[in-house]
């Protein structure tokens, strides 16, 4: 909590992180969390380093112990309209708004200072350095995973529940057979290759990410 303590005298500090910038399908999500320094949560870390089961356990604990938390999404249509960078910023703004508490400062993973409704401090590798950013990464990831699992029932055959929209071999095979669905990011290079009618292999699809 050292990064949080550095800003604590200046007001409320939240951690912010995203999930789903890279997939070929589905929205991008973001989490925002204000942790209570008096309520310890053991094992907070970058969501990618945790198992699915551990993320789900920590999600419950974060929501029970945090001062405030929120999750926001930006849709496939918004990603196409704004581009993935600005859509990520939109999801972050929505996550902060969803907290119901206005933070004074946001610690944001990465090196890009998104325009948020408070001052922003970027932290490269922040999900491994800041407990609140790690907590935000967990909420963003678990929320998006649930959405992709639900989407698997709406758009069967793509395997969304397993790969969550990333360019896995089973996803590539489904795209070859079924074509893209409404939740595919049509502006993504692999999807454009498919829509162009060009012949393609798994190798050149992956290289087009």
N, C-alpha and C. Protein backbone atom coordinates (compact mmCIF):
# COMPACT_ATOMS: atom_id res chain seq x y z
N UNK A 1 0.83 -1.22 0.00
CA UNK A 1 0.00 0.00 0.00
C UNK A 1 0.86 1.26 0.00
N UNK A 2 2.15 1.15 -0.30
CA UNK A 2 3.02 2.32 -0.24
C UNK A 2 2.60 3.39 -1.24
N UNK A 3 2.22 3.00 -2.45
CA UNK A 3 1.80 3.99 -3.44
C UNK A 3 0.53 4.70 -2.98
N UNK A 4 -0.39 3.94 -2.41
CA UNK A 4 -1.62 4.52 -1.92
C UNK A 4 -1.34 5.51 -0.78
N UNK A 5 -0.42 5.15 0.10
CA UNK A 5 -0.10 6.01 1.24
C UNK A 5 0.51 7.34 0.79
N UNK A 6 1.22 7.31 -0.33
CA UNK A 6 1.85 8.54 -0.82
C UNK A 6 0.81 9.59 -1.22
N UNK A 7 -0.41 9.14 -1.58
CA UNK A 7 -1.45 10.07 -1.98
C UNK A 7 -2.54 10.23 -0.92
N UNK A 8 -2.51 9.39 0.11
CA UNK A 8 -3.61 9.35 1.08
C UNK A 8 -3.86 10.68 1.77
N UNK A 9 -2.80 11.44 2.00
CA UNK A 9 -2.95 12.74 2.67
C UNK A 9 -3.66 13.75 1.77
N UNK A 10 -3.74 13.44 0.48
CA UNK A 10 -4.33 14.37 -0.48
C UNK A 10 -5.75 13.96 -0.88
N UNK A 11 -6.28 12.92 -0.25
CA UNK A 11 -7.64 12.50 -0.56
C UNK A 11 -7.75 11.02 -0.85
N UNK A 12 -8.91 10.61 -1.35
CA UNK A 12 -9.18 9.20 -1.64
C UNK A 12 -8.41 8.74 -2.87
N UNK A 13 -7.83 7.55 -2.76
CA UNK A 13 -7.02 6.99 -3.84
C UNK A 13 -7.65 5.68 -4.30
N UNK A 14 -7.88 5.55 -5.59
CA UNK A 14 -8.37 4.27 -6.13
C UNK A 14 -7.34 3.68 -7.07
N UNK A 15 -7.36 2.37 -7.19
CA UNK A 15 -6.58 1.67 -8.20
C UNK A 15 -7.47 1.37 -9.38
N UNK A 16 -6.93 1.45 -10.58
CA UNK A 16 -7.70 1.21 -11.81
C UNK A 16 -6.90 0.31 -12.73
N UNK A 17 -7.58 -0.68 -13.32
CA UNK A 17 -6.92 -1.54 -14.30
C UNK A 17 -7.96 -2.09 -15.25
N UNK A 18 -7.50 -2.60 -16.38
CA UNK A 18 -8.40 -3.12 -17.42
C UNK A 18 -8.19 -4.60 -17.65
N UNK A 19 -9.13 -5.20 -18.37
CA UNK A 19 -9.00 -6.57 -18.85
C UNK A 19 -9.66 -6.64 -20.22
N UNK A 20 -9.02 -7.38 -21.12
CA UNK A 20 -9.65 -7.62 -22.42
C UNK A 20 -9.31 -6.63 -23.50
N UNK A 21 -8.13 -6.03 -23.46
CA UNK A 21 -7.75 -5.15 -24.57
C UNK A 21 -7.35 -5.95 -25.80
N UNK A 22 -6.82 -7.16 -25.60
CA UNK A 22 -6.27 -7.91 -26.72
C UNK A 22 -7.18 -8.88 -27.44
N UNK A 23 -8.27 -9.36 -26.85
CA UNK A 23 -9.09 -10.38 -27.50
C UNK A 23 -9.68 -9.93 -28.84
N UNK A 24 -10.13 -10.91 -29.62
CA UNK A 24 -10.74 -10.65 -30.91
C UNK A 24 -12.25 -10.44 -30.79
N UNK A 25 -12.80 -10.72 -29.62
CA UNK A 25 -14.24 -10.61 -29.43
C UNK A 25 -14.55 -10.15 -28.02
N UNK A 26 -15.72 -9.54 -27.87
CA UNK A 26 -16.19 -9.11 -26.56
C UNK A 26 -15.71 -7.73 -26.17
N UNK A 27 -16.29 -7.19 -25.11
CA UNK A 27 -15.95 -5.83 -24.67
C UNK A 27 -14.62 -5.78 -23.94
N UNK A 28 -14.16 -4.58 -23.68
CA UNK A 28 -13.05 -4.37 -22.77
C UNK A 28 -13.66 -3.97 -21.43
N UNK A 29 -13.08 -4.41 -20.34
CA UNK A 29 -13.61 -4.10 -19.02
C UNK A 29 -12.55 -3.37 -18.20
N UNK A 30 -13.02 -2.71 -17.14
CA UNK A 30 -12.12 -2.04 -16.22
C UNK A 30 -12.67 -2.15 -14.81
N UNK A 31 -11.76 -2.18 -13.85
CA UNK A 31 -12.14 -2.19 -12.45
C UNK A 31 -11.55 -0.98 -11.75
N UNK A 32 -12.23 -0.52 -10.71
CA UNK A 32 -11.74 0.57 -9.88
C UNK A 32 -12.01 0.20 -8.43
N UNK A 33 -11.01 0.35 -7.58
CA UNK A 33 -11.14 -0.08 -6.18
C UNK A 33 -10.46 0.92 -5.25
N UNK A 34 -11.16 1.29 -4.18
CA UNK A 34 -10.56 2.02 -3.07
C UNK A 34 -10.49 1.04 -1.91
N UNK A 35 -9.28 0.66 -1.54
CA UNK A 35 -9.10 -0.30 -0.45
C UNK A 35 -9.13 0.39 0.91
N UNK A 36 -9.54 -0.36 1.90
CA UNK A 36 -9.51 0.11 3.29
C UNK A 36 -8.20 -0.36 3.90
N UNK A 37 -7.30 0.57 4.26
CA UNK A 37 -5.99 0.16 4.80
C UNK A 37 -6.11 -0.63 6.11
N UNK A 38 -7.25 -0.56 6.77
CA UNK A 38 -7.45 -1.29 8.03
C UNK A 38 -7.93 -2.72 7.81
N UNK A 39 -8.28 -3.05 6.56
CA UNK A 39 -8.81 -4.39 6.27
C UNK A 39 -7.89 -5.08 5.26
N UNK A 40 -7.02 -5.92 5.75
CA UNK A 40 -6.01 -6.58 4.92
C UNK A 40 -6.65 -7.65 4.04
N UNK A 41 -6.19 -7.72 2.81
CA UNK A 41 -6.61 -8.78 1.89
C UNK A 41 -5.34 -9.49 1.43
N UNK A 42 -5.14 -10.69 1.88
CA UNK A 42 -3.92 -11.43 1.57
C UNK A 42 -3.97 -11.99 0.15
N UNK A 43 -2.83 -11.93 -0.53
CA UNK A 43 -2.71 -12.58 -1.84
C UNK A 43 -3.08 -11.74 -3.03
N UNK A 44 -3.31 -10.44 -2.85
CA UNK A 44 -3.62 -9.58 -4.00
C UNK A 44 -2.42 -9.53 -4.94
N UNK A 45 -2.69 -9.75 -6.23
CA UNK A 45 -1.62 -9.77 -7.22
C UNK A 45 -2.24 -9.54 -8.59
N UNK A 46 -1.39 -9.35 -9.57
CA UNK A 46 -1.83 -9.26 -10.96
C UNK A 46 -2.77 -10.42 -11.25
N UNK A 47 -3.95 -10.13 -11.77
CA UNK A 47 -4.96 -11.17 -11.99
C UNK A 47 -4.45 -12.29 -12.90
N UNK A 48 -3.54 -11.95 -13.82
CA UNK A 48 -3.02 -12.96 -14.75
C UNK A 48 -2.15 -14.00 -14.06
N UNK A 49 -1.66 -13.67 -12.87
CA UNK A 49 -0.80 -14.60 -12.12
C UNK A 49 -1.60 -15.50 -11.19
N UNK A 50 -2.91 -15.29 -11.13
CA UNK A 50 -3.75 -16.05 -10.21
C UNK A 50 -4.60 -17.05 -10.97
N UNK A 51 -4.94 -18.14 -10.31
CA UNK A 51 -5.85 -19.11 -10.92
C UNK A 51 -7.26 -18.54 -10.95
N UNK A 52 -8.09 -19.13 -11.77
CA UNK A 52 -9.49 -18.70 -11.85
C UNK A 52 -10.16 -18.81 -10.48
N UNK A 53 -9.91 -19.91 -9.80
CA UNK A 53 -10.54 -20.12 -8.49
C UNK A 53 -10.08 -19.07 -7.49
N UNK A 54 -8.79 -18.75 -7.51
CA UNK A 54 -8.27 -17.76 -6.56
C UNK A 54 -8.80 -16.37 -6.88
N UNK A 55 -8.92 -16.03 -8.15
CA UNK A 55 -9.50 -14.74 -8.52
C UNK A 55 -10.92 -14.61 -7.99
N UNK A 56 -11.69 -15.68 -8.11
CA UNK A 56 -13.07 -15.65 -7.65
C UNK A 56 -13.15 -15.49 -6.14
N UNK A 57 -12.24 -16.14 -5.42
CA UNK A 57 -12.20 -15.99 -3.96
C UNK A 57 -11.86 -14.56 -3.57
N UNK A 58 -10.85 -14.01 -4.24
CA UNK A 58 -10.43 -12.65 -3.93
C UNK A 58 -11.48 -11.61 -4.33
N UNK A 59 -12.19 -11.88 -5.39
CA UNK A 59 -13.26 -10.96 -5.81
C UNK A 59 -14.27 -10.77 -4.67
N UNK A 60 -14.69 -11.87 -4.05
CA UNK A 60 -15.65 -11.80 -2.94
C UNK A 60 -15.07 -10.99 -1.79
N UNK A 61 -13.79 -11.25 -1.47
CA UNK A 61 -13.16 -10.56 -0.34
C UNK A 61 -12.97 -9.08 -0.63
N UNK A 62 -12.58 -8.75 -1.86
CA UNK A 62 -12.41 -7.35 -2.23
C UNK A 62 -13.73 -6.59 -2.07
N UNK A 63 -14.79 -7.18 -2.57
CA UNK A 63 -16.10 -6.51 -2.51
C UNK A 63 -16.60 -6.37 -1.08
N UNK A 64 -16.20 -7.30 -0.22
CA UNK A 64 -16.63 -7.25 1.18
C UNK A 64 -15.83 -6.23 1.99
N UNK A 65 -14.56 -6.02 1.63
CA UNK A 65 -13.67 -5.21 2.46
C UNK A 65 -13.32 -3.84 1.90
N UNK A 66 -13.52 -3.62 0.63
CA UNK A 66 -13.13 -2.35 0.02
C UNK A 66 -14.03 -1.21 0.49
N UNK A 67 -13.47 -0.02 0.51
CA UNK A 67 -14.27 1.17 0.79
C UNK A 67 -15.29 1.37 -0.32
N UNK A 68 -14.85 1.13 -1.56
CA UNK A 68 -15.73 1.24 -2.72
C UNK A 68 -15.10 0.48 -3.88
N UNK A 69 -15.94 0.01 -4.78
CA UNK A 69 -15.44 -0.68 -5.98
C UNK A 69 -16.44 -0.48 -7.11
N UNK A 70 -15.95 -0.60 -8.33
CA UNK A 70 -16.82 -0.50 -9.49
C UNK A 70 -16.21 -1.21 -10.68
N UNK A 71 -17.06 -1.63 -11.60
CA UNK A 71 -16.62 -2.26 -12.85
C UNK A 71 -17.35 -1.56 -13.99
N UNK A 72 -16.63 -1.32 -15.07
CA UNK A 72 -17.22 -0.71 -16.26
C UNK A 72 -16.80 -1.44 -17.51
N UNK A 73 -17.61 -1.33 -18.55
CA UNK A 73 -17.34 -1.97 -19.83
C UNK A 73 -17.42 -0.95 -20.96
N UNK A 74 -16.71 -1.24 -22.04
CA UNK A 74 -16.92 -0.55 -23.31
C UNK A 74 -17.18 -1.63 -24.35
N UNK A 75 -18.23 -1.45 -25.11
CA UNK A 75 -18.72 -2.50 -26.02
C UNK A 75 -17.85 -2.63 -27.27
N UNK A 76 -18.12 -3.68 -28.02
CA UNK A 76 -17.44 -3.89 -29.30
C UNK A 76 -17.71 -2.71 -30.23
N UNK A 77 -18.95 -2.21 -30.24
CA UNK A 77 -19.28 -1.05 -31.08
C UNK A 77 -18.48 0.18 -30.65
N UNK A 78 -18.32 0.37 -29.35
CA UNK A 78 -17.55 1.52 -28.86
C UNK A 78 -16.07 1.35 -29.16
N UNK A 79 -15.57 0.12 -29.12
CA UNK A 79 -14.18 -0.13 -29.49
C UNK A 79 -13.96 0.24 -30.95
N UNK A 80 -14.91 -0.13 -31.81
CA UNK A 80 -14.80 0.19 -33.24
C UNK A 80 -14.87 1.68 -33.48
N UNK A 81 -15.72 2.37 -32.74
CA UNK A 81 -15.91 3.82 -32.93
C UNK A 81 -14.75 4.62 -32.37
N UNK A 82 -14.27 4.25 -31.19
CA UNK A 82 -13.31 5.08 -30.48
C UNK A 82 -11.86 4.63 -30.64
N UNK A 83 -11.64 3.39 -30.95
CA UNK A 83 -10.40 2.60 -30.94
C UNK A 83 -10.21 2.02 -29.54
N UNK A 84 -9.37 1.01 -29.43
CA UNK A 84 -9.28 0.26 -28.17
C UNK A 84 -8.72 1.10 -27.03
N UNK A 85 -7.81 2.02 -27.34
CA UNK A 85 -7.24 2.85 -26.28
C UNK A 85 -8.30 3.73 -25.63
N UNK A 86 -9.04 4.45 -26.44
CA UNK A 86 -10.05 5.36 -25.89
C UNK A 86 -11.25 4.60 -25.32
N UNK A 87 -11.55 3.43 -25.88
CA UNK A 87 -12.61 2.61 -25.30
C UNK A 87 -12.21 2.11 -23.92
N UNK A 88 -10.93 1.81 -23.75
CA UNK A 88 -10.43 1.41 -22.43
C UNK A 88 -10.59 2.55 -21.44
N UNK A 89 -10.27 3.75 -21.85
CA UNK A 89 -10.46 4.92 -20.99
C UNK A 89 -11.92 5.11 -20.62
N UNK A 90 -12.82 4.86 -21.56
CA UNK A 90 -14.25 4.96 -21.29
C UNK A 90 -14.68 3.94 -20.25
N UNK A 91 -14.20 2.70 -20.39
CA UNK A 91 -14.52 1.66 -19.41
C UNK A 91 -14.00 2.04 -18.03
N UNK A 92 -12.81 2.65 -17.98
CA UNK A 92 -12.25 3.08 -16.69
C UNK A 92 -13.10 4.17 -16.06
N UNK A 93 -13.55 5.14 -16.86
CA UNK A 93 -14.43 6.19 -16.33
C UNK A 93 -15.70 5.58 -15.77
N UNK A 94 -16.27 4.62 -16.47
CA UNK A 94 -17.50 3.97 -16.01
C UNK A 94 -17.26 3.19 -14.73
N UNK A 95 -16.09 2.57 -14.60
CA UNK A 95 -15.77 1.83 -13.37
C UNK A 95 -15.68 2.78 -12.19
N UNK A 96 -15.04 3.92 -12.39
CA UNK A 96 -14.93 4.91 -11.31
C UNK A 96 -16.31 5.45 -10.93
N UNK A 97 -17.12 5.74 -11.93
CA UNK A 97 -18.48 6.24 -11.66
C UNK A 97 -19.30 5.20 -10.91
N UNK A 98 -19.08 3.93 -11.23
CA UNK A 98 -19.86 2.85 -10.61
C UNK A 98 -19.52 2.68 -9.13
N UNK A 99 -18.38 3.21 -8.68
CA UNK A 99 -18.03 3.10 -7.27
C UNK A 99 -19.02 3.84 -6.38
N UNK A 100 -19.60 4.92 -6.92
CA UNK A 100 -20.50 5.72 -6.10
C UNK A 100 -19.77 6.63 -5.13
N UNK A 101 -18.46 6.62 -5.18
CA UNK A 101 -17.60 7.47 -4.36
C UNK A 101 -16.61 8.14 -5.30
N UNK A 102 -16.47 9.44 -5.21
CA UNK A 102 -15.58 10.16 -6.11
C UNK A 102 -14.16 10.18 -5.56
N UNK A 103 -13.22 9.49 -6.20
CA UNK A 103 -11.83 9.52 -5.72
C UNK A 103 -11.15 10.82 -6.12
N UNK A 104 -10.13 11.16 -5.38
CA UNK A 104 -9.33 12.34 -5.72
C UNK A 104 -8.18 11.99 -6.66
N UNK A 105 -7.70 10.75 -6.54
CA UNK A 105 -6.56 10.30 -7.34
C UNK A 105 -6.80 8.87 -7.81
N UNK A 106 -6.25 8.55 -8.98
CA UNK A 106 -6.31 7.19 -9.50
C UNK A 106 -4.91 6.71 -9.84
N UNK A 107 -4.57 5.53 -9.33
CA UNK A 107 -3.35 4.84 -9.73
C UNK A 107 -3.73 3.90 -10.87
N UNK A 108 -3.15 4.10 -12.03
CA UNK A 108 -3.55 3.36 -13.23
C UNK A 108 -2.38 2.52 -13.74
N UNK A 109 -2.64 1.25 -13.97
CA UNK A 109 -1.60 0.37 -14.49
C UNK A 109 -1.17 0.81 -15.89
N UNK A 110 0.15 0.79 -16.14
CA UNK A 110 0.66 1.13 -17.46
C UNK A 110 1.30 2.51 -17.49
N UNK A 111 1.53 3.01 -18.71
CA UNK A 111 2.22 4.30 -18.86
C UNK A 111 1.37 5.34 -19.58
N UNK A 112 0.09 5.03 -19.81
CA UNK A 112 -0.77 5.98 -20.50
C UNK A 112 -1.71 6.65 -19.50
N UNK A 113 -1.70 7.97 -19.48
CA UNK A 113 -2.53 8.72 -18.54
C UNK A 113 -3.91 8.96 -19.17
N UNK A 114 -4.82 8.05 -18.92
CA UNK A 114 -6.18 8.20 -19.43
C UNK A 114 -6.83 9.43 -18.80
N UNK A 115 -7.75 10.04 -19.53
CA UNK A 115 -8.50 11.17 -19.00
C UNK A 115 -9.62 10.62 -18.12
N UNK A 116 -9.43 10.72 -16.82
CA UNK A 116 -10.38 10.20 -15.85
C UNK A 116 -10.92 11.34 -14.99
N UNK A 117 -11.99 11.11 -14.24
CA UNK A 117 -12.58 12.20 -13.45
C UNK A 117 -11.83 12.50 -12.15
N UNK A 118 -10.51 12.37 -12.18
CA UNK A 118 -9.66 12.68 -11.03
C UNK A 118 -8.22 12.72 -11.56
N UNK A 119 -7.29 13.13 -10.73
CA UNK A 119 -5.90 13.12 -11.17
C UNK A 119 -5.41 11.68 -11.34
N UNK A 120 -4.47 11.51 -12.24
CA UNK A 120 -4.01 10.17 -12.61
C UNK A 120 -2.51 10.03 -12.39
N UNK A 121 -2.12 8.94 -11.77
CA UNK A 121 -0.71 8.56 -11.62
C UNK A 121 -0.53 7.22 -12.31
N UNK A 122 0.24 7.19 -13.38
CA UNK A 122 0.48 5.93 -14.08
C UNK A 122 1.57 5.13 -13.35
N UNK A 123 1.42 3.82 -13.36
CA UNK A 123 2.37 2.94 -12.68
C UNK A 123 2.66 1.76 -13.60
N UNK A 124 3.83 1.73 -14.19
CA UNK A 124 4.21 0.61 -15.04
C UNK A 124 4.35 -0.64 -14.17
N UNK A 125 3.70 -1.71 -14.59
CA UNK A 125 3.69 -2.93 -13.77
C UNK A 125 2.91 -2.73 -12.49
N UNK A 126 1.93 -1.84 -12.54
CA UNK A 126 1.21 -1.45 -11.33
C UNK A 126 0.46 -2.57 -10.66
N UNK A 127 -0.02 -3.55 -11.43
CA UNK A 127 -0.78 -4.64 -10.81
C UNK A 127 0.10 -5.54 -9.94
N UNK A 128 1.42 -5.36 -10.03
CA UNK A 128 2.32 -6.07 -9.15
C UNK A 128 2.93 -5.19 -8.07
N UNK A 129 2.63 -3.87 -8.14
CA UNK A 129 3.22 -2.92 -7.21
C UNK A 129 2.19 -2.26 -6.29
N UNK A 130 0.96 -2.21 -6.73
CA UNK A 130 -0.09 -1.53 -5.99
C UNK A 130 -1.21 -2.51 -5.66
N UNK A 131 -1.58 -2.59 -4.39
CA UNK A 131 -2.65 -3.50 -3.97
C UNK A 131 -3.99 -3.10 -4.57
N UNK A 132 -4.23 -1.80 -4.67
CA UNK A 132 -5.52 -1.38 -5.20
C UNK A 132 -5.61 -1.61 -6.71
N UNK A 133 -4.49 -1.44 -7.43
CA UNK A 133 -4.49 -1.77 -8.86
C UNK A 133 -4.68 -3.27 -9.05
N UNK A 134 -4.01 -4.08 -8.22
CA UNK A 134 -4.18 -5.53 -8.31
C UNK A 134 -5.63 -5.91 -8.06
N UNK A 135 -6.26 -5.29 -7.06
CA UNK A 135 -7.66 -5.57 -6.78
C UNK A 135 -8.54 -5.19 -7.96
N UNK A 136 -8.24 -4.04 -8.57
CA UNK A 136 -9.01 -3.60 -9.74
C UNK A 136 -8.85 -4.57 -10.90
N UNK A 137 -7.63 -5.10 -11.07
CA UNK A 137 -7.39 -6.04 -12.17
C UNK A 137 -8.19 -7.32 -11.97
N UNK A 138 -8.34 -7.74 -10.73
CA UNK A 138 -9.10 -8.95 -10.42
C UNK A 138 -10.58 -8.74 -10.72
N UNK A 139 -11.13 -7.60 -10.31
CA UNK A 139 -12.54 -7.33 -10.57
C UNK A 139 -12.82 -7.19 -12.07
N UNK A 140 -11.91 -6.54 -12.78
CA UNK A 140 -12.09 -6.40 -14.23
C UNK A 140 -12.07 -7.75 -14.92
N UNK A 141 -11.15 -8.60 -14.52
CA UNK A 141 -11.00 -9.91 -15.13
C UNK A 141 -12.17 -10.83 -14.83
N UNK A 142 -12.58 -10.92 -13.57
CA UNK A 142 -13.68 -11.83 -13.21
C UNK A 142 -14.99 -11.39 -13.83
N UNK A 143 -15.23 -10.08 -13.88
CA UNK A 143 -16.46 -9.57 -14.49
C UNK A 143 -16.49 -9.88 -15.98
N UNK A 144 -15.37 -9.66 -16.66
CA UNK A 144 -15.34 -9.93 -18.11
C UNK A 144 -15.45 -11.42 -18.38
N UNK A 145 -14.79 -12.23 -17.59
CA UNK A 145 -14.87 -13.68 -17.78
C UNK A 145 -16.32 -14.16 -17.68
N UNK A 146 -17.06 -13.66 -16.71
CA UNK A 146 -18.46 -14.07 -16.57
C UNK A 146 -19.28 -13.65 -17.78
N UNK A 147 -19.00 -12.45 -18.27
CA UNK A 147 -19.73 -11.98 -19.44
C UNK A 147 -19.44 -12.86 -20.66
N UNK A 148 -18.17 -13.24 -20.84
CA UNK A 148 -17.80 -14.08 -21.98
C UNK A 148 -18.39 -15.48 -21.84
N UNK A 149 -18.49 -15.98 -20.63
CA UNK A 149 -19.12 -17.28 -20.41
C UNK A 149 -20.60 -17.24 -20.77
N UNK A 150 -21.27 -16.14 -20.42
CA UNK A 150 -22.68 -15.97 -20.80
C UNK A 150 -22.81 -15.82 -22.32
N UNK A 151 -21.86 -15.15 -22.92
CA UNK A 151 -21.87 -14.95 -24.37
C UNK A 151 -21.71 -16.27 -25.11
N UNK A 152 -21.06 -17.23 -24.48
CA UNK A 152 -20.87 -18.55 -25.08
C UNK A 152 -22.23 -19.20 -25.36
N UNK A 153 -23.19 -18.97 -24.46
CA UNK A 153 -24.53 -19.52 -24.68
C UNK A 153 -25.29 -18.78 -25.75
N UNK A 154 -25.02 -17.49 -25.87
CA UNK A 154 -25.70 -16.66 -26.87
C UNK A 154 -25.14 -16.92 -28.27
N UNK A 155 -23.83 -17.17 -28.33
CA UNK A 155 -23.16 -17.42 -29.62
C UNK A 155 -22.40 -18.74 -29.52
N UNK A 156 -23.10 -19.87 -29.55
CA UNK A 156 -22.44 -21.17 -29.38
C UNK A 156 -21.52 -21.50 -30.54
N UNK A 157 -20.52 -22.30 -30.24
CA UNK A 157 -19.63 -22.79 -31.28
C UNK A 157 -18.28 -22.12 -31.33
N UNK A 158 -18.15 -20.94 -30.71
CA UNK A 158 -16.88 -20.21 -30.76
C UNK A 158 -15.95 -20.56 -29.60
N UNK A 159 -16.50 -21.12 -28.54
CA UNK A 159 -15.67 -21.46 -27.38
C UNK A 159 -15.36 -20.29 -26.48
N UNK A 160 -16.22 -19.26 -26.49
CA UNK A 160 -15.95 -18.06 -25.69
C UNK A 160 -15.74 -18.37 -24.21
N UNK A 161 -16.43 -19.38 -23.69
CA UNK A 161 -16.30 -19.69 -22.26
C UNK A 161 -14.90 -20.16 -21.91
N UNK A 162 -14.20 -20.75 -22.85
CA UNK A 162 -12.87 -21.28 -22.57
C UNK A 162 -11.77 -20.27 -22.85
N UNK A 163 -11.80 -19.62 -24.01
CA UNK A 163 -10.69 -18.71 -24.37
C UNK A 163 -11.01 -17.23 -24.16
N UNK A 164 -12.26 -16.92 -23.83
CA UNK A 164 -12.68 -15.55 -23.49
C UNK A 164 -12.46 -14.55 -24.63
N UNK A 165 -12.47 -15.06 -25.86
CA UNK A 165 -12.36 -14.17 -27.01
C UNK A 165 -10.97 -14.02 -27.57
N UNK A 166 -9.97 -14.60 -26.94
CA UNK A 166 -8.60 -14.51 -27.44
C UNK A 166 -8.40 -15.43 -28.65
N UNK A 167 -7.28 -15.27 -29.31
CA UNK A 167 -7.03 -15.98 -30.55
C UNK A 167 -6.52 -17.39 -30.37
N UNK A 168 -7.24 -18.21 -29.65
CA UNK A 168 -6.87 -19.61 -29.44
C UNK A 168 -7.15 -20.43 -30.71
N UNK A 169 -6.46 -21.56 -30.89
CA UNK A 169 -6.70 -22.39 -32.08
C UNK A 169 -8.17 -22.77 -32.27
N UNK A 170 -8.88 -23.09 -31.17
CA UNK A 170 -10.29 -23.45 -31.30
C UNK A 170 -11.12 -22.27 -31.78
N UNK A 171 -10.70 -21.06 -31.42
CA UNK A 171 -11.40 -19.85 -31.88
C UNK A 171 -11.16 -19.64 -33.37
N UNK A 172 -9.93 -19.84 -33.79
CA UNK A 172 -9.60 -19.69 -35.21
C UNK A 172 -10.38 -20.70 -36.04
N UNK A 173 -10.45 -21.94 -35.55
CA UNK A 173 -11.19 -22.97 -36.27
C UNK A 173 -12.67 -22.61 -36.38
N UNK A 174 -13.24 -22.05 -35.31
CA UNK A 174 -14.64 -21.66 -35.33
C UNK A 174 -14.89 -20.51 -36.30
N UNK A 175 -13.97 -19.56 -36.35
CA UNK A 175 -14.10 -18.45 -37.28
C UNK A 175 -14.07 -18.94 -38.73
N UNK A 176 -13.24 -19.91 -39.01
CA UNK A 176 -13.17 -20.47 -40.37
C UNK A 176 -14.49 -21.13 -40.75
N UNK A 177 -15.12 -21.78 -39.77
CA UNK A 177 -16.34 -22.52 -40.04
C UNK A 177 -17.59 -21.65 -40.00
N UNK A 178 -17.67 -20.79 -38.98
CA UNK A 178 -18.90 -20.04 -38.72
C UNK A 178 -18.85 -18.59 -39.20
N UNK A 179 -17.65 -18.06 -39.40
CA UNK A 179 -17.53 -16.64 -39.64
C UNK A 179 -17.69 -15.88 -38.34
N UNK A 180 -17.52 -14.57 -38.35
CA UNK A 180 -17.62 -13.78 -37.11
C UNK A 180 -19.07 -13.59 -36.68
N UNK A 181 -19.27 -13.35 -35.39
CA UNK A 181 -20.59 -13.02 -34.86
C UNK A 181 -20.61 -11.53 -34.50
N UNK A 182 -21.72 -11.09 -33.95
CA UNK A 182 -21.89 -9.67 -33.65
C UNK A 182 -20.93 -9.17 -32.59
N UNK A 183 -20.36 -10.08 -31.80
CA UNK A 183 -19.45 -9.68 -30.73
C UNK A 183 -17.99 -9.74 -31.14
N UNK A 184 -17.71 -10.03 -32.39
CA UNK A 184 -16.32 -9.99 -32.85
C UNK A 184 -15.92 -8.55 -33.20
N UNK A 185 -14.68 -8.25 -32.95
CA UNK A 185 -14.15 -6.92 -33.22
C UNK A 185 -13.77 -6.84 -34.69
N UNK A 186 -14.68 -6.33 -35.50
CA UNK A 186 -14.52 -6.36 -36.95
C UNK A 186 -13.33 -5.55 -37.45
N UNK A 187 -12.85 -4.61 -36.63
CA UNK A 187 -11.70 -3.81 -37.05
C UNK A 187 -10.37 -4.48 -36.73
N UNK A 188 -10.41 -5.61 -36.00
CA UNK A 188 -9.18 -6.33 -35.67
C UNK A 188 -8.62 -7.00 -36.93
N UNK A 189 -7.30 -7.00 -37.07
CA UNK A 189 -6.67 -7.54 -38.28
C UNK A 189 -7.06 -8.98 -38.58
N UNK A 190 -7.09 -9.91 -37.61
CA UNK A 190 -7.48 -11.29 -37.94
C UNK A 190 -8.91 -11.39 -38.47
N UNK A 191 -9.82 -10.58 -37.92
CA UNK A 191 -11.20 -10.61 -38.38
C UNK A 191 -11.31 -9.98 -39.76
N UNK A 192 -10.55 -8.92 -40.00
CA UNK A 192 -10.55 -8.31 -41.33
C UNK A 192 -10.04 -9.29 -42.38
N UNK A 193 -9.03 -10.06 -42.03
CA UNK A 193 -8.53 -11.08 -42.96
C UNK A 193 -9.64 -12.05 -43.34
N UNK A 194 -10.40 -12.46 -42.34
CA UNK A 194 -11.49 -13.39 -42.59
C UNK A 194 -12.55 -12.76 -43.49
N UNK A 195 -12.95 -11.53 -43.20
CA UNK A 195 -14.01 -10.87 -43.96
C UNK A 195 -13.57 -10.53 -45.38
N UNK A 196 -12.26 -10.38 -45.58
CA UNK A 196 -11.76 -10.04 -46.91
C UNK A 196 -11.88 -11.19 -47.88
N UNK A 197 -12.09 -12.40 -47.36
CA UNK A 197 -12.18 -13.57 -48.22
C UNK A 197 -10.84 -14.15 -48.59
N UNK A 198 -9.76 -13.58 -48.02
CA UNK A 198 -8.43 -14.12 -48.30
C UNK A 198 -8.28 -15.50 -47.68
N UNK A 199 -7.48 -16.33 -48.32
CA UNK A 199 -7.15 -17.61 -47.68
C UNK A 199 -6.14 -17.31 -46.59
N UNK A 200 -6.27 -18.01 -45.48
CA UNK A 200 -5.37 -17.74 -44.38
C UNK A 200 -5.13 -19.00 -43.59
N UNK A 201 -4.03 -18.98 -42.86
CA UNK A 201 -3.67 -20.10 -42.00
C UNK A 201 -3.69 -19.63 -40.56
N UNK A 202 -3.57 -20.57 -39.64
CA UNK A 202 -3.50 -20.20 -38.23
C UNK A 202 -2.31 -19.29 -37.97
N UNK A 203 -1.19 -19.55 -38.65
CA UNK A 203 0.01 -18.74 -38.41
C UNK A 203 -0.19 -17.28 -38.82
N UNK A 204 -0.77 -17.03 -40.01
CA UNK A 204 -0.88 -15.63 -40.40
C UNK A 204 -2.02 -14.92 -39.69
N UNK A 205 -3.00 -15.68 -39.18
CA UNK A 205 -4.03 -15.06 -38.33
C UNK A 205 -3.42 -14.57 -37.02
N UNK A 206 -2.59 -15.42 -36.40
CA UNK A 206 -1.99 -15.04 -35.13
C UNK A 206 -1.00 -13.88 -35.32
N UNK A 207 -0.29 -13.87 -36.45
CA UNK A 207 0.68 -12.81 -36.69
C UNK A 207 -0.01 -11.48 -36.97
N UNK A 208 -1.30 -11.53 -37.29
CA UNK A 208 -2.05 -10.32 -37.61
C UNK A 208 -2.65 -9.66 -36.39
N UNK A 209 -2.47 -10.26 -35.20
CA UNK A 209 -3.06 -9.68 -34.00
C UNK A 209 -2.53 -8.27 -33.74
